Amino acid sequence: MPDKVEKYLSAIEQELKILGWWSDTPPSHEALASELPFCVDTLSLAQWLQFVLLARLRQLLKLNRALPTEISVYPMAEYTYAGYEEDMQPLLAAIAQLDAALSGQAVARQC
């Protein structure tokens, strides 16, 4: 499973870069310290994906630690990116695949 997870993490990274949402500058420590889900009060979802989700999962993979099995990022992404003019389907697909790989359950997708 680690290879699959890294594949989906790389796909999410690639899509964030294609959309122009990848940043070389991390958010402040205060922004990352939010206690709300997805850091909704301090970060955009793209920032959360890059600096929280991808960073943490890659760290777990690097340390050969257990990956989370209760994950559901896709519904938040689907809600957040509804109505965007950009083609969000590749990013949403990669997020759905990551959710499914970690949870072991199919993800109900609108598209």
PDB file of N, CA and C in Angstrom:
ATOM      1  N   MET A   1       0.803  -1.205   0.000  1.00  0.00           N
ATOM      2  CA  MET A   1       0.000   0.000   0.000  1.00  0.00           C
ATOM      3  C   MET A   1       0.847   1.272   0.000  1.00  0.00           C
ATOM      4  N   PRO A   2       2.014   1.303   0.634  1.00  0.00           N
ATOM      5  CA  PRO A   2       2.789   2.549   0.620  1.00  0.00           C
ATOM      6  C   PRO A   2       3.077   3.088  -0.774  1.00  0.00           C
ATOM      7  N   ASP A   3       3.331   2.192  -1.729  1.00  0.00           N
ATOM      8  CA  ASP A   3       3.600   2.656  -3.093  1.00  0.00           C
ATOM      9  C   ASP A   3       2.372   3.323  -3.706  1.00  0.00           C
ATOM     10  N   LYS A   4       1.198   2.740  -3.459  1.00  0.00           N
ATOM     11  CA  LYS A   4      -0.046   3.334  -3.956  1.00  0.00           C
ATOM     12  C   LYS A   4      -0.282   4.698  -3.333  1.00  0.00           C
ATOM     13  N   VAL A   5      -0.073   4.786  -2.026  1.00  0.00           N
ATOM     14  CA  VAL A   5      -0.294   6.046  -1.319  1.00  0.00           C
ATOM     15  C   VAL A   5       0.643   7.115  -1.871  1.00  0.00           C
ATOM     16  N   GLU A   6       1.904   6.789  -2.042  1.00  0.00           N
ATOM     17  CA  GLU A   6       2.856   7.779  -2.585  1.00  0.00           C
ATOM     18  C   GLU A   6       2.453   8.187  -4.001  1.00  0.00           C
ATOM     19  N   LYS A   7       1.944   7.253  -4.778  1.00  0.00           N
ATOM     20  CA  LYS A   7       1.467   7.562  -6.130  1.00  0.00           C
ATOM     21  C   LYS A   7       0.349   8.602  -6.074  1.00  0.00           C
ATOM     22  N   TYR A   8      -0.593   8.435  -5.160  1.00  0.00           N
ATOM     23  CA  TYR A   8      -1.707   9.378  -5.048  1.00  0.00           C
ATOM     24  C   TYR A   8      -1.249  10.711  -4.464  1.00  0.00           C
ATOM     25  N   LEU A   9      -0.317  10.679  -3.534  1.00  0.00           N
ATOM     26  CA  LEU A   9       0.231  11.928  -3.005  1.00  0.00           C
ATOM     27  C   LEU A   9       0.932  12.712  -4.116  1.00  0.00           C
ATOM     28  N   SER A  10       1.685  12.017  -4.936  1.00  0.00           N
ATOM     29  CA  SER A  10       2.367  12.670  -6.062  1.00  0.00           C
ATOM     30  C   SER A  10       1.367  13.227  -7.065  1.00  0.00           C
ATOM     31  N   ALA A  11       0.277  12.509  -7.279  1.00  0.00           N
ATOM     32  CA  ALA A  11      -0.761  12.995  -8.203  1.00  0.00           C
ATOM     33  C   ALA A  11      -1.409  14.266  -7.663  1.00  0.00           C
ATOM     34  N   ILE A  12      -1.677  14.306  -6.361  1.00  0.00           N
ATOM     35  CA  ILE A  12      -2.245  15.508  -5.753  1.00  0.00           C
ATOM     36  C   ILE A  12      -1.259  16.664  -5.889  1.00  0.00           C
ATOM     37  N   GLU A  13       0.003  16.416  -5.593  1.00  0.00           N
ATOM     38  CA  GLU A  13       1.032  17.457  -5.742  1.00  0.00           C
ATOM     39  C   GLU A  13       1.073  17.978  -7.176  1.00  0.00           C
ATOM     40  N   GLN A  14       1.087  17.062  -8.128  1.00  0.00           N
ATOM     41  CA  GLN A  14       1.146  17.461  -9.541  1.00  0.00           C
ATOM     42  C   GLN A  14      -0.053  18.326  -9.925  1.00  0.00           C
ATOM     43  N   GLU A  15      -1.231  17.947  -9.487  1.00  0.00           N
ATOM     44  CA  GLU A  15      -2.430  18.722  -9.819  1.00  0.00           C
ATOM     45  C   GLU A  15      -2.405  20.098  -9.159  1.00  0.00           C
ATOM     46  N   LEU A  16      -1.927  20.180  -7.925  1.00  0.00           N
ATOM     47  CA  LEU A  16      -1.805  21.486  -7.279  1.00  0.00           C
ATOM     48  C   LEU A  16      -0.838  22.380  -8.064  1.00  0.00           C
ATOM     49  N   LYS A  17       0.223  21.795  -8.582  1.00  0.00           N
ATOM     50  CA  LYS A  17       1.192  22.560  -9.387  1.00  0.00           C
ATOM     51  C   LYS A  17       0.565  23.004 -10.704  1.00  0.00           C
ATOM     52  N   ILE A  18      -0.169  22.122 -11.355  1.00  0.00           N
ATOM     53  CA  ILE A  18      -0.830  22.470 -12.623  1.00  0.00           C
ATOM     54  C   ILE A  18      -1.798  23.631 -12.412  1.00  0.00           C
ATOM     55  N   LEU A  19      -2.507  23.603 -11.289  1.00  0.00           N
ATOM     56  CA  LEU A  19      -3.472  24.660 -10.990  1.00  0.00           C
ATOM     57  C   LEU A  19      -2.803  25.954 -10.522  1.00  0.00           C
ATOM     58  N   GLY A  20      -1.504  25.900 -10.273  1.00  0.00           N
ATOM     59  CA  GLY A  20      -0.780  27.073  -9.797  1.00  0.00           C
ATOM     60  C   GLY A  20      -0.966  27.326  -8.314  1.00  0.00           C
ATOM     61  N   TRP A  21      -1.355  26.296  -7.579  1.00  0.00           N
ATOM     62  CA  TRP A  21      -1.637  26.431  -6.151  1.00  0.00           C
ATOM     63  C   TRP A  21      -0.527  25.897  -5.263  1.00  0.00           C
ATOM     64  N   TRP A  22       0.554  25.381  -5.846  1.00  0.00           N
ATOM     65  CA  TRP A  22       1.669  24.875  -5.062  1.00  0.00           C
ATOM     66  C   TRP A  22       2.508  26.064  -4.624  1.00  0.00           C
ATOM     67  N   SER A  23       2.963  26.049  -3.387  1.00  0.00           N
ATOM     68  CA  SER A  23       3.720  27.176  -2.856  1.00  0.00           C
ATOM     69  C   SER A  23       5.065  26.716  -2.306  1.00  0.00           C
ATOM     70  N   ASP A  24       6.074  27.542  -2.532  1.00  0.00           N
ATOM     71  CA  ASP A  24       7.387  27.268  -1.955  1.00  0.00           C
ATOM     72  C   ASP A  24       7.508  27.878  -0.561  1.00  0.00           C
ATOM     73  N   THR A  25       6.529  28.688  -0.189  1.00  0.00           N
ATOM     74  CA  THR A  25       6.547  29.370   1.104  1.00  0.00           C
ATOM     75  C   THR A  25       5.494  28.754   2.022  1.00  0.00           C
ATOM     76  N   PRO A  26       5.945  28.115   3.097  1.00  0.00           N
ATOM     77  CA  PRO A  26       4.966  27.510   4.005  1.00  0.00           C
ATOM     78  C   PRO A  26       4.205  28.565   4.797  1.00  0.00           C
ATOM     79  N   PRO A  27       3.008  28.215   5.226  1.00  0.00           N
ATOM     80  CA  PRO A  27       2.244  29.117   6.097  1.00  0.00           C
ATOM     81  C   PRO A  27       2.959  29.289   7.438  1.00  0.00           C
ATOM     82  N   SER A  28       2.544  30.268   8.193  1.00  0.00           N
ATOM     83  CA  SER A  28       3.129  30.511   9.506  1.00  0.00           C
ATOM     84  C   SER A  28       2.820  29.352  10.447  1.00  0.00           C
ATOM     85  N   HIS A  29       3.604  29.258  11.502  1.00  0.00           N
ATOM     86  CA  HIS A  29       3.353  28.234  12.523  1.00  0.00           C
ATOM     87  C   HIS A  29       1.978  28.420  13.144  1.00  0.00           C
ATOM     88  N   GLU A  30       1.570  29.683  13.285  1.00  0.00           N
ATOM     89  CA  GLU A  30       0.254  29.970  13.855  1.00  0.00           C
ATOM     90  C   GLU A  30      -0.858  29.423  12.957  1.00  0.00           C
ATOM     91  N   ALA A  31      -0.700  29.624  11.640  1.00  0.00           N
ATOM     92  CA  ALA A  31      -1.708  29.131  10.694  1.00  0.00           C
ATOM     93  C   ALA A  31      -1.788  27.605  10.732  1.00  0.00           C
ATOM     94  N   LEU A  32      -0.653  26.963  10.844  1.00  0.00           N
ATOM     95  CA  LEU A  32      -0.623  25.498  10.884  1.00  0.00           C
ATOM     96  C   LEU A  32      -1.107  24.935  12.217  1.00  0.00           C
ATOM     97  N   ALA A  33      -1.160  25.765  13.237  1.00  0.00           N
ATOM     98  CA  ALA A  33      -1.568  25.315  14.564  1.00  0.00           C
ATOM     99  C   ALA A  33      -3.081  25.348  14.777  1.00  0.00           C
ATOM    100  N   SER A  34      -3.833  25.689  13.744  1.00  0.00           N
ATOM    101  CA  SER A  34      -5.286  25.729  13.868  1.00  0.00           C
ATOM    102  C   SER A  34      -5.803  24.402  14.403  1.00  0.00           C
ATOM    103  N   GLU A  35      -6.825  24.483  15.222  1.00  0.00           N
ATOM    104  CA  GLU A  35      -7.419  23.260  15.761  1.00  0.00           C
ATOM    105  C   GLU A  35      -8.694  22.857  15.026  1.00  0.00           C
ATOM    106  N   LEU A  36      -9.074  23.634  14.028  1.00  0.00           N
ATOM    107  CA  LEU A  36     -10.269  23.309  13.256  1.00  0.00           C
ATOM    108  C   LEU A  36      -9.929  22.306  12.154  1.00  0.00           C
ATOM    109  N   PRO A  37     -10.890  21.456  11.782  1.00  0.00           N
ATOM    110  CA  PRO A  37     -10.638  20.516  10.689  1.00  0.00           C
ATOM    111  C   PRO A  37     -10.186  21.251   9.427  1.00  0.00           C
ATOM    112  N   PHE A  38      -9.205  20.683   8.770  1.00  0.00           N
ATOM    113  CA  PHE A  38      -8.654  21.230   7.529  1.00  0.00           C
ATOM    114  C   PHE A  38      -8.083  22.637   7.713  1.00  0.00           C
ATOM    115  N   CYS A  39      -7.897  23.067   8.940  1.00  0.00           N
ATOM    116  CA  CYS A  39      -7.399  24.431   9.237  1.00  0.00           C
ATOM    117  C   CYS A  39      -8.214  25.472   8.473  1.00  0.00           C
ATOM    118  N   VAL A  40      -9.529  25.274   8.435  1.00  0.00           N
ATOM    119  CA  VAL A  40     -10.392  26.128   7.609  1.00  0.00           C
ATOM    120  C   VAL A  40     -10.342  27.596   7.985  1.00  0.00           C
ATOM    121  N   ASP A  41      -9.937  27.884   9.203  1.00  0.00           N
ATOM    122  CA  ASP A  41      -9.880  29.283   9.625  1.00  0.00           C
ATOM    123  C   ASP A  41      -8.565  29.965   9.270  1.00  0.00           C
ATOM    124  N   THR A  42      -7.560  29.193   8.856  1.00  0.00           N
ATOM    125  CA  THR A  42      -6.246  29.793   8.605  1.00  0.00           C
ATOM    126  C   THR A  42      -5.622  29.449   7.257  1.00  0.00           C
ATOM    127  N   LEU A  43      -6.085  28.384   6.607  1.00  0.00           N
ATOM    128  CA  LEU A  43      -5.474  27.935   5.355  1.00  0.00           C
ATOM    129  C   LEU A  43      -6.532  27.695   4.286  1.00  0.00           C
ATOM    130  N   SER A  44      -6.118  27.842   3.036  1.00  0.00           N
ATOM    131  CA  SER A  44      -6.976  27.373   1.946  1.00  0.00           C
ATOM    132  C   SER A  44      -6.870  25.848   1.928  1.00  0.00           C
ATOM    133  N   LEU A  45      -7.793  25.185   1.265  1.00  0.00           N
ATOM    134  CA  LEU A  45      -7.714  23.727   1.195  1.00  0.00           C
ATOM    135  C   LEU A  45      -6.436  23.298   0.476  1.00  0.00           C
ATOM    136  N   ALA A  46      -6.042  24.016  -0.555  1.00  0.00           N
ATOM    137  CA  ALA A  46      -4.809  23.680  -1.276  1.00  0.00           C
ATOM    138  C   ALA A  46      -3.602  23.761  -0.342  1.00  0.00           C
ATOM    139  N   GLN A  47      -3.557  24.781   0.507  1.00  0.00           N
ATOM    140  CA  GLN A  47      -2.463  24.889   1.477  1.00  0.00           C
ATOM    141  C   GLN A  47      -2.504  23.725   2.460  1.00  0.00           C
ATOM    142  N   TRP A  48      -3.693  23.383   2.931  1.00  0.00           N
ATOM    143  CA  TRP A  48      -3.823  22.280   3.865  1.00  0.00           C
ATOM    144  C   TRP A  48      -3.366  20.974   3.229  1.00  0.00           C
ATOM    145  N   LEU A  49      -3.771  20.761   1.978  1.00  0.00           N
ATOM    146  CA  LEU A  49      -3.345  19.548   1.281  1.00  0.00           C
ATOM    147  C   LEU A  49      -1.821  19.474   1.221  1.00  0.00           C
ATOM    148  N   GLN A  50      -1.193  20.579   0.816  1.00  0.00           N
ATOM    149  CA  GLN A  50       0.258  20.586   0.645  1.00  0.00           C
ATOM    150  C   GLN A  50       1.009  20.506   1.967  1.00  0.00           C
ATOM    151  N   PHE A  51       0.669  21.385   2.886  1.00  0.00           N
ATOM    152  CA  PHE A  51       1.493  21.554   4.074  1.00  0.00           C
ATOM    153  C   PHE A  51       1.073  20.716   5.277  1.00  0.00           C
ATOM    154  N   VAL A  52      -0.104  20.139   5.222  1.00  0.00           N
ATOM    155  CA  VAL A  52      -0.538  19.286   6.327  1.00  0.00           C
ATOM    156  C   VAL A  52      -0.674  17.843   5.834  1.00  0.00           C
ATOM    157  N   LEU A  53      -1.620  17.589   4.956  1.00  0.00           N
ATOM    158  CA  LEU A  53      -1.885  16.204   4.549  1.00  0.00           C
ATOM    159  C   LEU A  53      -0.690  15.552   3.871  1.00  0.00           C
ATOM    160  N   LEU A  54      -0.202  16.147   2.784  1.00  0.00           N
ATOM    161  CA  LEU A  54       0.908  15.535   2.063  1.00  0.00           C
ATOM    162  C   LEU A  54       2.145  15.448   2.939  1.00  0.00           C
ATOM    163  N   ALA A  55       2.441  16.513   3.672  1.00  0.00           N
ATOM    164  CA  ALA A  55       3.636  16.514   4.523  1.00  0.00           C
ATOM    165  C   ALA A  55       3.559  15.423   5.588  1.00  0.00           C
ATOM    166  N   ARG A  56       2.420  15.305   6.248  1.00  0.00           N
ATOM    167  CA  ARG A  56       2.288  14.308   7.324  1.00  0.00           C
ATOM    168  C   ARG A  56       2.312  12.883   6.787  1.00  0.00           C
ATOM    169  N   LEU A  57       1.597  12.639   5.704  1.00  0.00           N
ATOM    170  CA  LEU A  57       1.573  11.278   5.162  1.00  0.00           C
ATOM    171  C   LEU A  57       2.942  10.874   4.630  1.00  0.00           C
ATOM    172  N   ARG A  58       3.643  11.799   3.997  1.00  0.00           N
ATOM    173  CA  ARG A  58       4.990  11.474   3.511  1.00  0.00           C
ATOM    174  C   ARG A  58       5.943  11.222   4.676  1.00  0.00           C
ATOM    175  N   GLN A  59       5.777  11.944   5.757  1.00  0.00           N
ATOM    176  CA  GLN A  59       6.608  11.703   6.938  1.00  0.00           C
ATOM    177  C   GLN A  59       6.326  10.314   7.513  1.00  0.00           C
ATOM    178  N   LEU A  60       5.058   9.940   7.588  1.00  0.00           N
ATOM    179  CA  LEU A  60       4.705   8.610   8.071  1.00  0.00           C
ATOM    180  C   LEU A  60       5.288   7.529   7.165  1.00  0.00           C
ATOM    181  N   LEU A  61       5.212   7.725   5.862  1.00  0.00           N
ATOM    182  CA  LEU A  61       5.787   6.764   4.924  1.00  0.00           C
ATOM    183  C   LEU A  61       7.298   6.653   5.111  1.00  0.00           C
ATOM    184  N   LYS A  62       7.942   7.795   5.245  1.00  0.00           N
ATOM    185  CA  LYS A  62       9.401   7.827   5.415  1.00  0.00           C
ATOM    186  C   LYS A  62       9.823   7.072   6.672  1.00  0.00           C
ATOM    187  N   LEU A  63       9.057   7.234   7.739  1.00  0.00           N
ATOM    188  CA  LEU A  63       9.375   6.585   9.016  1.00  0.00           C
ATOM    189  C   LEU A  63       8.819   5.163   9.116  1.00  0.00           C
ATOM    190  N   ASN A  64       8.149   4.723   8.043  1.00  0.00           N
ATOM    191  CA  ASN A  64       7.542   3.398   8.001  1.00  0.00           C
ATOM    192  C   ASN A  64       6.534   3.205   9.142  1.00  0.00           C
ATOM    193  N   ARG A  65       5.762   4.250   9.399  1.00  0.00           N
ATOM    194  CA  ARG A  65       4.747   4.231  10.454  1.00  0.00           C
ATOM    195  C   ARG A  65       3.384   3.884   9.865  1.00  0.00           C
ATOM    196  N   ALA A  66       2.469   3.549  10.722  1.00  0.00           N
ATOM    197  CA  ALA A  66       1.111   3.224  10.284  1.00  0.00           C
ATOM    198  C   ALA A  66       0.441   4.463   9.692  1.00  0.00           C
ATOM    199  N   LEU A  67      -0.259   4.242   8.614  1.00  0.00           N
ATOM    200  CA  LEU A  67      -0.995   5.322   7.954  1.00  0.00           C
ATOM    201  C   LEU A  67      -2.417   5.375   8.510  1.00  0.00           C
ATOM    202  N   PRO A  68      -3.041   6.543   8.484  1.00  0.00           N
ATOM    203  CA  PRO A  68      -4.415   6.637   8.980  1.00  0.00           C
ATOM    204  C   PRO A  68      -5.363   5.801   8.122  1.00  0.00           C
ATOM    205  N   THR A  69      -6.358   5.240   8.760  1.00  0.00           N
ATOM    206  CA  THR A  69      -7.347   4.450   8.025  1.00  0.00           C
ATOM    207  C   THR A  69      -8.717   5.102   8.051  1.00  0.00           C
ATOM    208  N   GLU A  70      -8.880   6.082   8.887  1.00  0.00           N
ATOM    209  CA  GLU A  70     -10.139   6.835   8.933  1.00  0.00           C
ATOM    210  C   GLU A  70      -9.870   8.199   8.325  1.00  0.00           C
ATOM    211  N   ILE A  71     -10.127   8.311   7.039  1.00  0.00           N
ATOM    212  CA  ILE A  71      -9.835   9.532   6.318  1.00  0.00           C
ATOM    213  C   ILE A  71     -10.967   9.804   5.344  1.00  0.00           C
ATOM    214  N   SER A  72     -11.315  11.051   5.203  1.00  0.00           N
ATOM    215  CA  SER A  72     -12.389  11.429   4.297  1.00  0.00           C
ATOM    216  C   SER A  72     -12.167  12.872   3.848  1.00  0.00           C
ATOM    217  N   VAL A  73     -11.200  13.047   2.980  1.00  0.00           N
ATOM    218  CA  VAL A  73     -10.859  14.378   2.461  1.00  0.00           C
ATOM    219  C   VAL A  73     -11.724  14.718   1.250  1.00  0.00           C
ATOM    220  N   TYR A  74     -12.109  13.712   0.498  1.00  0.00           N
ATOM    221  CA  TYR A  74     -12.834  13.958  -0.751  1.00  0.00           C
ATOM    222  C   TYR A  74     -14.094  14.812  -0.579  1.00  0.00           C
ATOM    223  N   PRO A  75     -14.972  14.534   0.392  1.00  0.00           N
ATOM    224  CA  PRO A  75     -16.178  15.372   0.511  1.00  0.00           C
ATOM    225  C   PRO A  75     -15.849  16.857   0.716  1.00  0.00           C
ATOM    226  N   MET A  76     -14.825  17.148   1.493  1.00  0.00           N
ATOM    227  CA  MET A  76     -14.431  18.542   1.707  1.00  0.00           C
ATOM    228  C   MET A  76     -13.904  19.157   0.410  1.00  0.00           C
ATOM    229  N   ALA A  77     -13.111  18.398  -0.320  1.00  0.00           N
ATOM    230  CA  ALA A  77     -12.569  18.898  -1.583  1.00  0.00           C
ATOM    231  C   ALA A  77     -13.680  19.118  -2.604  1.00  0.00           C
ATOM    232  N   GLU A  78     -14.588  18.172  -2.669  1.00  0.00           N
ATOM    233  CA  GLU A  78     -15.705  18.291  -3.604  1.00  0.00           C
ATOM    234  C   GLU A  78     -16.534  19.540  -3.278  1.00  0.00           C
ATOM    235  N   TYR A  79     -16.813  19.762  -2.016  1.00  0.00           N
ATOM    236  CA  TYR A  79     -17.575  20.936  -1.585  1.00  0.00           C
ATOM    237  C   TYR A  79     -16.797  22.223  -1.873  1.00  0.00           C
ATOM    238  N   THR A  80     -15.534  22.245  -1.500  1.00  0.00           N
ATOM    239  CA  THR A  80     -14.710  23.441  -1.654  1.00  0.00           C
ATOM    240  C   THR A  80     -14.546  23.835  -3.116  1.00  0.00           C
ATOM    241  N   TYR A  81     -14.334  22.855  -3.980  1.00  0.00           N
ATOM    242  CA  TYR A  81     -14.019  23.160  -5.374  1.00  0.00           C
ATOM    243  C   TYR A  81     -15.224  23.125  -6.312  1.00  0.00           C
ATOM    244  N   ALA A  82     -16.418  22.973  -5.774  1.00  0.00           N
ATOM    245  CA  ALA A  82     -17.635  23.013  -6.605  1.00  0.00           C
ATOM    246  C   ALA A  82     -17.741  24.398  -7.238  1.00  0.00           C
ATOM    247  N   GLY A  83     -17.984  24.439  -8.514  1.00  0.00           N
ATOM    248  CA  GLY A  83     -18.186  25.711  -9.197  1.00  0.00           C
ATOM    249  C   GLY A  83     -16.918  26.394  -9.670  1.00  0.00           C
ATOM    250  N   TYR A  84     -15.742  25.823  -9.406  1.00  0.00           N
ATOM    251  CA  TYR A  84     -14.509  26.416  -9.914  1.00  0.00           C
ATOM    252  C   TYR A  84     -14.480  26.294 -11.432  1.00  0.00           C
ATOM    253  N   GLU A  85     -13.953  27.295 -12.088  1.00  0.00           N
ATOM    254  CA  GLU A  85     -13.852  27.250 -13.547  1.00  0.00           C
ATOM    255  C   GLU A  85     -12.748  26.300 -14.001  1.00  0.00           C
ATOM    256  N   GLU A  86     -11.721  26.134 -13.174  1.00  0.00           N
ATOM    257  CA  GLU A  86     -10.635  25.226 -13.522  1.00  0.00           C
ATOM    258  C   GLU A  86     -11.155  23.788 -13.555  1.00  0.00           C
ATOM    259  N   ASP A  87     -10.465  22.920 -14.297  1.00  0.00           N
ATOM    260  CA  ASP A  87     -10.830  21.509 -14.328  1.00  0.00           C
ATOM    261  C   ASP A  87     -10.344  20.864 -13.035  1.00  0.00           C
ATOM    262  N   MET A  88     -11.247  20.641 -12.124  1.00  0.00           N
ATOM    263  CA  MET A  88     -10.904  20.114 -10.811  1.00  0.00           C
ATOM    264  C   MET A  88     -10.939  18.582 -10.766  1.00  0.00           C
ATOM    265  N   GLN A  89     -11.424  17.944 -11.836  1.00  0.00           N
ATOM    266  CA  GLN A  89     -11.609  16.495 -11.813  1.00  0.00           C
ATOM    267  C   GLN A  89     -10.331  15.707 -11.543  1.00  0.00           C
ATOM    268  N   PRO A  90      -9.183  16.063 -12.157  1.00  0.00           N
ATOM    269  CA  PRO A  90      -7.971  15.282 -11.841  1.00  0.00           C
ATOM    270  C   PRO A  90      -7.562  15.379 -10.366  1.00  0.00           C
ATOM    271  N   LEU A  91      -7.675  16.566  -9.783  1.00  0.00           N
ATOM    272  CA  LEU A  91      -7.338  16.720  -8.365  1.00  0.00           C
ATOM    273  C   LEU A  91      -8.327  15.947  -7.503  1.00  0.00           C
ATOM    274  N   LEU A  92      -9.607  16.090  -7.794  1.00  0.00           N
ATOM    275  CA  LEU A  92     -10.627  15.378  -7.022  1.00  0.00           C
ATOM    276  C   LEU A  92     -10.461  13.863  -7.146  1.00  0.00           C
ATOM    277  N   ALA A  93     -10.109  13.396  -8.324  1.00  0.00           N
ATOM    278  CA  ALA A  93      -9.906  11.956  -8.534  1.00  0.00           C
ATOM    279  C   ALA A  93      -8.736  11.451  -7.696  1.00  0.00           C
ATOM    280  N   ALA A  94      -7.647  12.203  -7.672  1.00  0.00           N
ATOM    281  CA  ALA A  94      -6.481  11.790  -6.882  1.00  0.00           C
ATOM    282  C   ALA A  94      -6.809  11.764  -5.391  1.00  0.00           C
ATOM    283  N   ILE A  95      -7.576  12.745  -4.928  1.00  0.00           N
ATOM    284  CA  ILE A  95      -7.978  12.787  -3.520  1.00  0.00           C
ATOM    285  C   ILE A  95      -8.892  11.605  -3.207  1.00  0.00           C
ATOM    286  N   ALA A  96      -9.829  11.296  -4.094  1.00  0.00           N
ATOM    287  CA  ALA A  96     -10.725  10.156  -3.892  1.00  0.00           C
ATOM    288  C   ALA A  96      -9.935   8.849  -3.849  1.00  0.00           C
ATOM    289  N   GLN A  97      -8.952   8.715  -4.715  1.00  0.00           N
ATOM    290  CA  GLN A  97      -8.128   7.505  -4.732  1.00  0.00           C
ATOM    291  C   GLN A  97      -7.328   7.369  -3.437  1.00  0.00           C
ATOM    292  N   LEU A  98      -6.812   8.484  -2.932  1.00  0.00           N
ATOM    293  CA  LEU A  98      -6.081   8.451  -1.671  1.00  0.00           C
ATOM    294  C   LEU A  98      -7.007   8.032  -0.534  1.00  0.00           C
ATOM    295  N   ASP A  99      -8.180   8.655  -0.466  1.00  0.00           N
ATOM    296  CA  ASP A  99      -9.164   8.277   0.563  1.00  0.00           C
ATOM    297  C   ASP A  99      -9.454   6.777   0.505  1.00  0.00           C
ATOM    298  N   ALA A 100      -9.712   6.272  -0.685  1.00  0.00           N
ATOM    299  CA  ALA A 100     -10.059   4.856  -0.849  1.00  0.00           C
ATOM    300  C   ALA A 100      -8.892   3.951  -0.458  1.00  0.00           C
ATOM    301  N   ALA A 101      -7.680   4.316  -0.845  1.00  0.00           N
ATOM    302  CA  ALA A 101      -6.519   3.493  -0.524  1.00  0.00           C
ATOM    303  C   ALA A 101      -6.290   3.415   0.985  1.00  0.00           C
ATOM    304  N   LEU A 102      -6.469   4.536   1.665  1.00  0.00           N
ATOM    305  CA  LEU A 102      -6.220   4.539   3.106  1.00  0.00           C
ATOM    306  C   LEU A 102      -7.365   3.926   3.907  1.00  0.00           C
ATOM    307  N   SER A 103      -8.589   4.205   3.492  1.00  0.00           N
ATOM    308  CA  SER A 103      -9.745   3.723   4.261  1.00  0.00           C
ATOM    309  C   SER A 103     -10.163   2.317   3.891  1.00  0.00           C
ATOM    310  N   GLY A 104      -9.779   1.886   2.693  1.00  0.00           N
ATOM    311  CA  GLY A 104     -10.205   0.573   2.221  1.00  0.00           C
ATOM    312  C   GLY A 104     -11.636   0.544   1.757  1.00  0.00           C
ATOM    313  N   GLN A 105     -12.228   1.736   1.581  1.00  0.00           N
ATOM    314  CA  GLN A 105     -13.618   1.829   1.151  1.00  0.00           C
ATOM    315  C   GLN A 105     -13.725   2.687  -0.100  1.00  0.00           C
ATOM    316  N   ALA A 106     -14.645   2.322  -0.971  1.00  0.00           N
ATOM    317  CA  ALA A 106     -14.892   3.115  -2.161  1.00  0.00           C
ATOM    318  C   ALA A 106     -15.403   4.500  -1.768  1.00  0.00           C
ATOM    319  N   VAL A 107     -15.069   5.484  -2.550  1.00  0.00           N
ATOM    320  CA  VAL A 107     -15.494   6.851  -2.295  1.00  0.00           C
ATOM    321  C   VAL A 107     -16.635   7.195  -3.242  1.00  0.00           C
ATOM    322  N   ALA A 108     -17.752   7.638  -2.695  1.00  0.00           N
ATOM    323  CA  ALA A 108     -18.890   8.050  -3.508  1.00  0.00           C
ATOM    324  C   ALA A 108     -18.555   9.385  -4.152  1.00  0.00           C
ATOM    325  N   ARG A 109     -18.500   9.387  -5.483  1.00  0.00           N
ATOM    326  CA  ARG A 109     -18.127  10.604  -6.216  1.00  0.00           C
ATOM    327  C   ARG A 109     -19.286  11.074  -7.059  1.00  0.00           C
ATOM    328  N   GLN A 110     -19.410  12.399  -7.156  1.00  0.00           N
ATOM    329  CA  GLN A 110     -20.445  13.007  -7.976  1.00  0.00           C
ATOM    330  C   GLN A 110     -20.153  12.845  -9.465  1.00  0.00           C
ATOM    331  N   CYS A 111     -18.862  12.840  -9.811  1.00  0.00           N
ATOM    332  CA  CYS A 111     -18.506  12.816 -11.244  1.00  0.00           C
ATOM    333  C   CYS A 111     -18.227  11.423 -11.731  1.00  0.00           C
TER     334      CYS A 111
END
